[in-house]
Amino acid sequence: MTKKQLVDLVARKAHLPKRAAEEAVDVFLDEVGRVLGKGEKVVLSGFGTFKRKRMDGKTVKVPNSEKFVNIKSHWLPRFTPGKALKRRVAR
């Protein structure tokens, strides 16, 4: 599902104009990103948890060459599905 498809679905199911549905989806995505950027986690009961994880720096070999590149440590977003979501997907 793309963002456009999600906006269309939200507009139809919530009986909203597309512009309002798009704004709601944008606000949700922006807020999740903002909260993760501050180091906090986002918990949506029954759906799952968004959090961030620190990846340690490392040195890796570039494929098809003899060069090695250093990758700095950095933060990445992670998602852990909730029990209800796991059950729905497993059907």
PDB file of N, CA and C in Angstrom:
ATOM      1  N   MET A   1       0.844  -1.170   0.000  1.00  0.00           N
ATOM      2  CA  MET A   1       0.000   0.000   0.000  1.00  0.00           C
ATOM      3  C   MET A   1       0.887   1.230   0.000  1.00  0.00           C
ATOM      4  N   THR A   2       0.559   2.171  -0.857  1.00  0.00           N
ATOM      5  CA  THR A   2       1.304   3.423  -0.921  1.00  0.00           C
ATOM      6  C   THR A   2       0.642   4.468  -0.020  1.00  0.00           C
ATOM      7  N   LYS A   3       1.334   5.574   0.168  1.00  0.00           N
ATOM      8  CA  LYS A   3       0.783   6.652   0.993  1.00  0.00           C
ATOM      9  C   LYS A   3      -0.507   7.185   0.358  1.00  0.00           C
ATOM     10  N   LYS A   4      -0.525   7.316  -0.958  1.00  0.00           N
ATOM     11  CA  LYS A   4      -1.722   7.802  -1.653  1.00  0.00           C
ATOM     12  C   LYS A   4      -2.893   6.851  -1.431  1.00  0.00           C
ATOM     13  N   GLN A   5      -2.641   5.567  -1.504  1.00  0.00           N
ATOM     14  CA  GLN A   5      -3.698   4.584  -1.266  1.00  0.00           C
ATOM     15  C   GLN A   5      -4.204   4.669   0.171  1.00  0.00           C
ATOM     16  N   LEU A   6      -3.283   4.873   1.120  1.00  0.00           N
ATOM     17  CA  LEU A   6      -3.673   5.013   2.521  1.00  0.00           C
ATOM     18  C   LEU A   6      -4.549   6.250   2.719  1.00  0.00           C
ATOM     19  N   VAL A   7      -4.163   7.357   2.101  1.00  0.00           N
ATOM     20  CA  VAL A   7      -4.947   8.591   2.209  1.00  0.00           C
ATOM     21  C   VAL A   7      -6.342   8.368   1.637  1.00  0.00           C
ATOM     22  N   ASP A   8      -6.434   7.712   0.483  1.00  0.00           N
ATOM     23  CA  ASP A   8      -7.744   7.434  -0.119  1.00  0.00           C
ATOM     24  C   ASP A   8      -8.604   6.567   0.806  1.00  0.00           C
ATOM     25  N   LEU A   9      -7.991   5.563   1.422  1.00  0.00           N
ATOM     26  CA  LEU A   9      -8.710   4.672   2.327  1.00  0.00           C
ATOM     27  C   LEU A   9      -9.205   5.418   3.572  1.00  0.00           C
ATOM     28  N   VAL A  10      -8.333   6.232   4.155  1.00  0.00           N
ATOM     29  CA  VAL A  10      -8.713   7.014   5.337  1.00  0.00           C
ATOM     30  C   VAL A  10      -9.840   7.977   4.986  1.00  0.00           C
ATOM     31  N   ALA A  11      -9.738   8.628   3.841  1.00  0.00           N
ATOM     32  CA  ALA A  11     -10.786   9.574   3.420  1.00  0.00           C
ATOM     33  C   ALA A  11     -12.128   8.854   3.271  1.00  0.00           C
ATOM     34  N   ARG A  12     -12.108   7.678   2.660  1.00  0.00           N
ATOM     35  CA  ARG A  12     -13.356   6.942   2.428  1.00  0.00           C
ATOM     36  C   ARG A  12     -13.949   6.406   3.730  1.00  0.00           C
ATOM     37  N   LYS A  13     -13.111   5.767   4.560  1.00  0.00           N
ATOM     38  CA  LYS A  13     -13.626   5.135   5.778  1.00  0.00           C
ATOM     39  C   LYS A  13     -14.002   6.142   6.866  1.00  0.00           C
ATOM     40  N   ALA A  14     -13.311   7.275   6.916  1.00  0.00           N
ATOM     41  CA  ALA A  14     -13.608   8.281   7.943  1.00  0.00           C
ATOM     42  C   ALA A  14     -14.554   9.363   7.425  1.00  0.00           C
ATOM     43  N   HIS A  15     -14.989   9.219   6.167  1.00  0.00           N
ATOM     44  CA  HIS A  15     -15.897  10.198   5.551  1.00  0.00           C
ATOM     45  C   HIS A  15     -15.307  11.603   5.622  1.00  0.00           C
ATOM     46  N   LEU A  16     -14.036  11.707   5.192  1.00  0.00           N
ATOM     47  CA  LEU A  16     -13.318  12.984   5.194  1.00  0.00           C
ATOM     48  C   LEU A  16     -12.981  13.389   3.769  1.00  0.00           C
ATOM     49  N   PRO A  17     -12.823  14.686   3.532  1.00  0.00           N
ATOM     50  CA  PRO A  17     -12.275  15.104   2.237  1.00  0.00           C
ATOM     51  C   PRO A  17     -10.832  14.599   2.125  1.00  0.00           C
ATOM     52  N   LYS A  18     -10.390  14.359   0.893  1.00  0.00           N
ATOM     53  CA  LYS A  18      -9.035  13.831   0.701  1.00  0.00           C
ATOM     54  C   LYS A  18      -7.969  14.733   1.319  1.00  0.00           C
ATOM     55  N   ARG A  19      -8.156  16.034   1.219  1.00  0.00           N
ATOM     56  CA  ARG A  19      -7.162  16.965   1.771  1.00  0.00           C
ATOM     57  C   ARG A  19      -7.038  16.794   3.290  1.00  0.00           C
ATOM     58  N   ALA A  20      -8.155  16.603   3.981  1.00  0.00           N
ATOM     59  CA  ALA A  20      -8.126  16.409   5.431  1.00  0.00           C
ATOM     60  C   ALA A  20      -7.493  15.067   5.779  1.00  0.00           C
ATOM     61  N   ALA A  21      -7.793  14.039   5.002  1.00  0.00           N
ATOM     62  CA  ALA A  21      -7.200  12.718   5.247  1.00  0.00           C
ATOM     63  C   ALA A  21      -5.694  12.759   5.011  1.00  0.00           C
ATOM     64  N   GLU A  22      -5.283  13.462   3.962  1.00  0.00           N
ATOM     65  CA  GLU A  22      -3.856  13.575   3.672  1.00  0.00           C
ATOM     66  C   GLU A  22      -3.134  14.322   4.791  1.00  0.00           C
ATOM     67  N   GLU A  23      -3.759  15.375   5.297  1.00  0.00           N
ATOM     68  CA  GLU A  23      -3.170  16.134   6.399  1.00  0.00           C
ATOM     69  C   GLU A  23      -3.054  15.269   7.657  1.00  0.00           C
ATOM     70  N   ALA A  24      -4.081  14.455   7.927  1.00  0.00           N
ATOM     71  CA  ALA A  24      -4.047  13.574   9.103  1.00  0.00           C
ATOM     72  C   ALA A  24      -2.919  12.551   8.986  1.00  0.00           C
ATOM     73  N   VAL A  25      -2.775  11.962   7.812  1.00  0.00           N
ATOM     74  CA  VAL A  25      -1.698  10.975   7.605  1.00  0.00           C
ATOM     75  C   VAL A  25      -0.342  11.659   7.728  1.00  0.00           C
ATOM     76  N   ASP A  26      -0.189  12.837   7.130  1.00  0.00           N
ATOM     77  CA  ASP A  26       1.074  13.583   7.213  1.00  0.00           C
ATOM     78  C   ASP A  26       1.424  13.930   8.656  1.00  0.00           C
ATOM     79  N   VAL A  27       0.439  14.398   9.423  1.00  0.00           N
ATOM     80  CA  VAL A  27       0.682  14.754  10.826  1.00  0.00           C
ATOM     81  C   VAL A  27       1.119  13.515  11.602  1.00  0.00           C
ATOM     82  N   PHE A  28       0.441  12.392  11.389  1.00  0.00           N
ATOM     83  CA  PHE A  28       0.810  11.153  12.081  1.00  0.00           C
ATOM     84  C   PHE A  28       2.255  10.773  11.771  1.00  0.00           C
ATOM     85  N   LEU A  29       2.613  10.749  10.499  1.00  0.00           N
ATOM     86  CA  LEU A  29       3.971  10.357  10.108  1.00  0.00           C
ATOM     87  C   LEU A  29       5.013  11.336  10.644  1.00  0.00           C
ATOM     88  N   ASP A  30       4.718  12.633  10.570  1.00  0.00           N
ATOM     89  CA  ASP A  30       5.648  13.643  11.092  1.00  0.00           C
ATOM     90  C   ASP A  30       5.862  13.483  12.597  1.00  0.00           C
ATOM     91  N   GLU A  31       4.788  13.243  13.319  1.00  0.00           N
ATOM     92  CA  GLU A  31       4.891  13.107  14.775  1.00  0.00           C
ATOM     93  C   GLU A  31       5.642  11.843  15.173  1.00  0.00           C
ATOM     94  N   VAL A  32       5.418  10.759  14.469  1.00  0.00           N
ATOM     95  CA  VAL A  32       6.173   9.529  14.764  1.00  0.00           C
ATOM     96  C   VAL A  32       7.660   9.802  14.550  1.00  0.00           C
ATOM     97  N   GLY A  33       8.003  10.434  13.444  1.00  0.00           N
ATOM     98  CA  GLY A  33       9.407  10.769  13.178  1.00  0.00           C
ATOM     99  C   GLY A  33       9.998  11.712  14.206  1.00  0.00           C
ATOM    100  N   ARG A  34       9.218  12.714  14.614  1.00  0.00           N
ATOM    101  CA  ARG A  34       9.698  13.687  15.605  1.00  0.00           C
ATOM    102  C   ARG A  34       9.966  13.016  16.944  1.00  0.00           C
ATOM    103  N   VAL A  35       9.035  12.165  17.379  1.00  0.00           N
ATOM    104  CA  VAL A  35       9.183  11.490  18.673  1.00  0.00           C
ATOM    105  C   VAL A  35      10.374  10.528  18.636  1.00  0.00           C
ATOM    106  N   LEU A  36      10.533   9.790  17.536  1.00  0.00           N
ATOM    107  CA  LEU A  36      11.682   8.889  17.424  1.00  0.00           C
ATOM    108  C   LEU A  36      12.987   9.674  17.409  1.00  0.00           C
ATOM    109  N   GLY A  37      12.979  10.831  16.763  1.00  0.00           N
ATOM    110  CA  GLY A  37      14.164  11.684  16.716  1.00  0.00           C
ATOM    111  C   GLY A  37      14.593  12.173  18.089  1.00  0.00           C
ATOM    112  N   LYS A  38      13.630  12.299  19.006  1.00  0.00           N
ATOM    113  CA  LYS A  38      13.942  12.721  20.375  1.00  0.00           C
ATOM    114  C   LYS A  38      14.400  11.551  21.237  1.00  0.00           C
ATOM    115  N   GLY A  39      14.360  10.337  20.686  1.00  0.00           N
ATOM    116  CA  GLY A  39      14.809   9.177  21.455  1.00  0.00           C
ATOM    117  C   GLY A  39      13.706   8.465  22.208  1.00  0.00           C
ATOM    118  N   GLU A  40      12.458   8.891  22.013  1.00  0.00           N
ATOM    119  CA  GLU A  40      11.345   8.246  22.689  1.00  0.00           C
ATOM    120  C   GLU A  40      10.762   7.167  21.775  1.00  0.00           C
ATOM    121  N   LYS A  41       9.873   6.338  22.325  1.00  0.00           N
ATOM    122  CA  LYS A  41       9.238   5.327  21.490  1.00  0.00           C
ATOM    123  C   LYS A  41       7.755   5.636  21.337  1.00  0.00           C
ATOM    124  N   VAL A  42       7.170   5.093  20.283  1.00  0.00           N
ATOM    125  CA  VAL A  42       5.756   5.281  19.980  1.00  0.00           C
ATOM    126  C   VAL A  42       5.087   3.916  20.115  1.00  0.00           C
ATOM    127  N   VAL A  43       4.138   3.808  21.040  1.00  0.00           N
ATOM    128  CA  VAL A  43       3.449   2.545  21.292  1.00  0.00           C
ATOM    129  C   VAL A  43       1.999   2.677  20.842  1.00  0.00           C
ATOM    130  N   LEU A  44       1.581   1.850  19.895  1.00  0.00           N
ATOM    131  CA  LEU A  44       0.205   1.811  19.422  1.00  0.00           C
ATOM    132  C   LEU A  44      -0.364   0.461  19.844  1.00  0.00           C
ATOM    133  N   SER A  45      -1.151   0.462  20.905  1.00  0.00           N
ATOM    134  CA  SER A  45      -1.674  -0.780  21.479  1.00  0.00           C
ATOM    135  C   SER A  45      -2.367  -1.622  20.416  1.00  0.00           C
ATOM    136  N   GLY A  46      -2.021  -2.891  20.365  1.00  0.00           N
ATOM    137  CA  GLY A  46      -2.605  -3.814  19.415  1.00  0.00           C
ATOM    138  C   GLY A  46      -1.942  -3.787  18.050  1.00  0.00           C
ATOM    139  N   PHE A  47      -1.165  -2.754  17.769  1.00  0.00           N
ATOM    140  CA  PHE A  47      -0.494  -2.649  16.477  1.00  0.00           C
ATOM    141  C   PHE A  47       0.994  -2.923  16.600  1.00  0.00           C
ATOM    142  N   GLY A  48       1.677  -2.148  17.455  1.00  0.00           N
ATOM    143  CA  GLY A  48       3.104  -2.370  17.628  1.00  0.00           C
ATOM    144  C   GLY A  48       3.804  -1.168  18.209  1.00  0.00           C
ATOM    145  N   THR A  49       5.133  -1.257  18.248  1.00  0.00           N
ATOM    146  CA  THR A  49       5.959  -0.223  18.853  1.00  0.00           C
ATOM    147  C   THR A  49       7.031   0.221  17.870  1.00  0.00           C
ATOM    148  N   PHE A  50       7.145   1.536  17.699  1.00  0.00           N
ATOM    149  CA  PHE A  50       8.227   2.120  16.921  1.00  0.00           C
ATOM    150  C   PHE A  50       9.265   2.616  17.916  1.00  0.00           C
ATOM    151  N   LYS A  51      10.524   2.301  17.679  1.00  0.00           N
ATOM    152  CA  LYS A  51      11.604   2.803  18.521  1.00  0.00           C
ATOM    153  C   LYS A  51      12.836   2.960  17.662  1.00  0.00           C
ATOM    154  N   ARG A  52      13.885   3.509  18.248  1.00  0.00           N
ATOM    155  CA  ARG A  52      15.123   3.643  17.485  1.00  0.00           C
ATOM    156  C   ARG A  52      16.207   2.813  18.132  1.00  0.00           C
ATOM    157  N   LYS A  53      17.145   2.361  17.301  1.00  0.00           N
ATOM    158  CA  LYS A  53      18.228   1.511  17.783  1.00  0.00           C
ATOM    159  C   LYS A  53      19.550   2.059  17.252  1.00  0.00           C
ATOM    160  N   ARG A  54      20.528   2.055  18.119  1.00  0.00           N
ATOM    161  CA  ARG A  54      21.856   2.535  17.721  1.00  0.00           C
ATOM    162  C   ARG A  54      22.629   1.403  17.067  1.00  0.00           C
ATOM    163  N   MET A  55      23.131   1.668  15.874  1.00  0.00           N
ATOM    164  CA  MET A  55      23.961   0.704  15.163  1.00  0.00           C
ATOM    165  C   MET A  55      25.417   1.131  15.337  1.00  0.00           C
ATOM    166  N   ASP A  56      26.231   0.220  15.807  1.00  0.00           N
ATOM    167  CA  ASP A  56      27.638   0.521  16.036  1.00  0.00           C
ATOM    168  C   ASP A  56      28.373   0.733  14.710  1.00  0.00           C
ATOM    169  N   GLY A  57      29.419   1.531  14.776  1.00  0.00           N
ATOM    170  CA  GLY A  57      30.253   1.740  13.603  1.00  0.00           C
ATOM    171  C   GLY A  57      31.026   0.473  13.272  1.00  0.00           C
ATOM    172  N   LYS A  58      31.388   0.336  12.015  1.00  0.00           N
ATOM    173  CA  LYS A  58      32.140  -0.854  11.610  1.00  0.00           C
ATOM    174  C   LYS A  58      32.876  -0.569  10.319  1.00  0.00           C
ATOM    175  N   THR A  59      33.788  -1.449   9.976  1.00  0.00           N
ATOM    176  CA  THR A  59      34.523  -1.381   8.723  1.00  0.00           C
ATOM    177  C   THR A  59      34.051  -2.521   7.839  1.00  0.00           C
ATOM    178  N   VAL A  60      33.674  -2.206   6.607  1.00  0.00           N
ATOM    179  CA  VAL A  60      33.165  -3.221   5.690  1.00  0.00           C
ATOM    180  C   VAL A  60      33.958  -3.190   4.389  1.00  0.00           C
ATOM    181  N   LYS A  61      34.034  -4.332   3.729  1.00  0.00           N
ATOM    182  CA  LYS A  61      34.715  -4.441   2.445  1.00  0.00           C
ATOM    183  C   LYS A  61      33.726  -4.120   1.342  1.00  0.00           C
ATOM    184  N   VAL A  62      34.147  -3.287   0.398  1.00  0.00           N
ATOM    185  CA  VAL A  62      33.313  -2.939  -0.747  1.00  0.00           C
ATOM    186  C   VAL A  62      33.320  -4.128  -1.710  1.00  0.00           C
ATOM    187  N   PRO A  63      32.146  -4.622  -2.110  1.00  0.00           N
ATOM    188  CA  PRO A  63      32.109  -5.762  -3.037  1.00  0.00           C
ATOM    189  C   PRO A  63      32.851  -5.455  -4.343  1.00  0.00           C
ATOM    190  N   ASN A  64      33.475  -6.441  -4.914  1.00  0.00           N
ATOM    191  CA  ASN A  64      34.192  -6.342  -6.189  1.00  0.00           C
ATOM    192  C   ASN A  64      35.378  -5.385  -6.157  1.00  0.00           C
ATOM    193  N   SER A  65      35.932  -5.144  -4.993  1.00  0.00           N
ATOM    194  CA  SER A  65      37.142  -4.327  -4.908  1.00  0.00           C
ATOM    195  C   SER A  65      37.881  -4.735  -3.639  1.00  0.00           C
ATOM    196  N   GLU A  66      39.047  -4.169  -3.476  1.00  0.00           N
ATOM    197  CA  GLU A  66      39.843  -4.457  -2.280  1.00  0.00           C
ATOM    198  C   GLU A  66      39.722  -3.340  -1.250  1.00  0.00           C
ATOM    199  N   LYS A  67      38.840  -2.388  -1.483  1.00  0.00           N
ATOM    200  CA  LYS A  67      38.709  -1.245  -0.595  1.00  0.00           C
ATOM    201  C   LYS A  67      37.855  -1.583   0.625  1.00  0.00           C
ATOM    202  N   PHE A  68      38.191  -0.924   1.728  1.00  0.00           N
ATOM    203  CA  PHE A  68      37.411  -1.029   2.955  1.00  0.00           C
ATOM    204  C   PHE A  68      36.879   0.359   3.289  1.00  0.00           C
ATOM    205  N   VAL A  69      35.657   0.407   3.800  1.00  0.00           N
ATOM    206  CA  VAL A  69      35.011   1.679   4.116  1.00  0.00           C
ATOM    207  C   VAL A  69      34.572   1.645   5.575  1.00  0.00           C
ATOM    208  N   ASN A  70      34.794   2.752   6.263  1.00  0.00           N
ATOM    209  CA  ASN A  70      34.330   2.871   7.641  1.00  0.00           C
ATOM    210  C   ASN A  70      32.907   3.425   7.650  1.00  0.00           C
ATOM    211  N   ILE A  71      32.026   2.769   8.384  1.00  0.00           N
ATOM    212  CA  ILE A  71      30.661   3.245   8.551  1.00  0.00           C
ATOM    213  C   ILE A  71      30.539   3.741   9.983  1.00  0.00           C
ATOM    214  N   LYS A  72      30.138   4.991  10.137  1.00  0.00           N
ATOM    215  CA  LYS A  72      29.999   5.583  11.468  1.00  0.00           C
ATOM    216  C   LYS A  72      28.808   4.966  12.192  1.00  0.00           C
ATOM    217  N   SER A  73      28.820   5.034  13.505  1.00  0.00           N
ATOM    218  CA  SER A  73      27.653   4.585  14.263  1.00  0.00           C
ATOM    219  C   SER A  73      26.504   5.550  13.980  1.00  0.00           C
ATOM    220  N   HIS A  74      25.284   5.016  13.977  1.00  0.00           N
ATOM    221  CA  HIS A  74      24.126   5.830  13.636  1.00  0.00           C
ATOM    222  C   HIS A  74      22.861   5.209  14.221  1.00  0.00           C
ATOM    223  N   TRP A  75      21.782   5.983  14.199  1.00  0.00           N
ATOM    224  CA  TRP A  75      20.489   5.531  14.708  1.00  0.00           C
ATOM    225  C   TRP A  75      19.602   5.094  13.550  1.00  0.00           C
ATOM    226  N   LEU A  76      18.845   4.015  13.762  1.00  0.00           N
ATOM    227  CA  LEU A  76      17.885   3.529  12.775  1.00  0.00           C
ATOM    228  C   LEU A  76      16.539   3.283  13.441  1.00  0.00           C
ATOM    229  N   PRO A  77      15.441   3.527  12.717  1.00  0.00           N
ATOM    230  CA  PRO A  77      14.125   3.213  13.281  1.00  0.00           C
ATOM    231  C   PRO A  77      13.883   1.708  13.260  1.00  0.00           C
ATOM    232  N   ARG A  78      13.166   1.216  14.245  1.00  0.00           N
ATOM    233  CA  ARG A  78      12.804  -0.207  14.332  1.00  0.00           C
ATOM    234  C   ARG A  78      11.330  -0.305  14.684  1.00  0.00           C
ATOM    235  N   PHE A  79      10.681  -1.359  14.196  1.00  0.00           N
ATOM    236  CA  PHE A  79       9.275  -1.600  14.492  1.00  0.00           C
ATOM    237  C   PHE A  79       9.136  -3.008  15.036  1.00  0.00           C
ATOM    238  N   THR A  80       8.416  -3.137  16.147  1.00  0.00           N
ATOM    239  CA  THR A  80       8.114  -4.441  16.732  1.00  0.00           C
ATOM    240  C   THR A  80       6.594  -4.608  16.692  1.00  0.00           C
ATOM    241  N   PRO A  81       6.116  -5.601  15.940  1.00  0.00           N
ATOM    242  CA  PRO A  81       4.658  -5.765  15.843  1.00  0.00           C
ATOM    243  C   PRO A  81       4.056  -6.235  17.158  1.00  0.00           C
ATOM    244  N   GLY A  82       2.811  -5.801  17.412  1.00  0.00           N
ATOM    245  CA  GLY A  82       2.080  -6.224  18.595  1.00  0.00           C
ATOM    246  C   GLY A  82       1.428  -7.582  18.372  1.00  0.00           C
ATOM    247  N   LYS A  83       0.908  -8.138  19.437  1.00  0.00           N
ATOM    248  CA  LYS A  83       0.307  -9.473  19.392  1.00  0.00           C
ATOM    249  C   LYS A  83      -0.870  -9.535  18.417  1.00  0.00           C
ATOM    250  N   ALA A  84      -1.752  -8.524  18.460  1.00  0.00           N
ATOM    251  CA  ALA A  84      -2.929  -8.520  17.590  1.00  0.00           C
ATOM    252  C   ALA A  84      -2.525  -8.442  16.111  1.00  0.00           C
ATOM    253  N   LEU A  85      -1.517  -7.630  15.798  1.00  0.00           N
ATOM    254  CA  LEU A  85      -1.046  -7.523  14.417  1.00  0.00           C
ATOM    255  C   LEU A  85      -0.427  -8.841  13.958  1.00  0.00           C
ATOM    256  N   LYS A  86       0.335  -9.474  14.825  1.00  0.00           N
ATOM    257  CA  LYS A  86       0.943 -10.766  14.474  1.00  0.00           C
ATOM    258  C   LYS A  86      -0.141 -11.792  14.149  1.00  0.00           C
ATOM    259  N   ARG A  87      -1.214 -11.805  14.944  1.00  0.00           N
ATOM    260  CA  ARG A  87      -2.317 -12.745  14.705  1.00  0.00           C
ATOM    261  C   ARG A  87      -3.000 -12.474  13.365  1.00  0.00           C
ATOM    262  N   ARG A  88      -3.224 -11.200  13.054  1.00  0.00           N
ATOM    263  CA  ARG A  88      -3.890 -10.846  11.783  1.00  0.00           C
ATOM    264  C   ARG A  88      -3.046 -11.262  10.584  1.00  0.00           C
ATOM    265  N   VAL A  89      -1.752 -11.064  10.673  1.00  0.00           N
ATOM    266  CA  VAL A  89      -0.859 -11.389   9.555  1.00  0.00           C
ATOM    267  C   VAL A  89      -0.734 -12.910   9.398  1.00  0.00           C
ATOM    268  N   ALA A  90      -0.788 -13.649  10.482  1.00  0.00           N
ATOM    269  CA  ALA A  90      -0.592 -15.095  10.445  1.00  0.00           C
ATOM    270  C   ALA A  90      -1.779 -15.851   9.858  1.00  0.00           C
ATOM    271  N   ARG A  91      -2.922 -15.207   9.718  1.00  0.00           N
ATOM    272  CA  ARG A  91      -4.098 -15.902   9.178  1.00  0.00           C
ATOM    273  C   ARG A  91      -3.872 -16.422   7.799  1.00  0.00           C
TER     274      ARG A  91
END
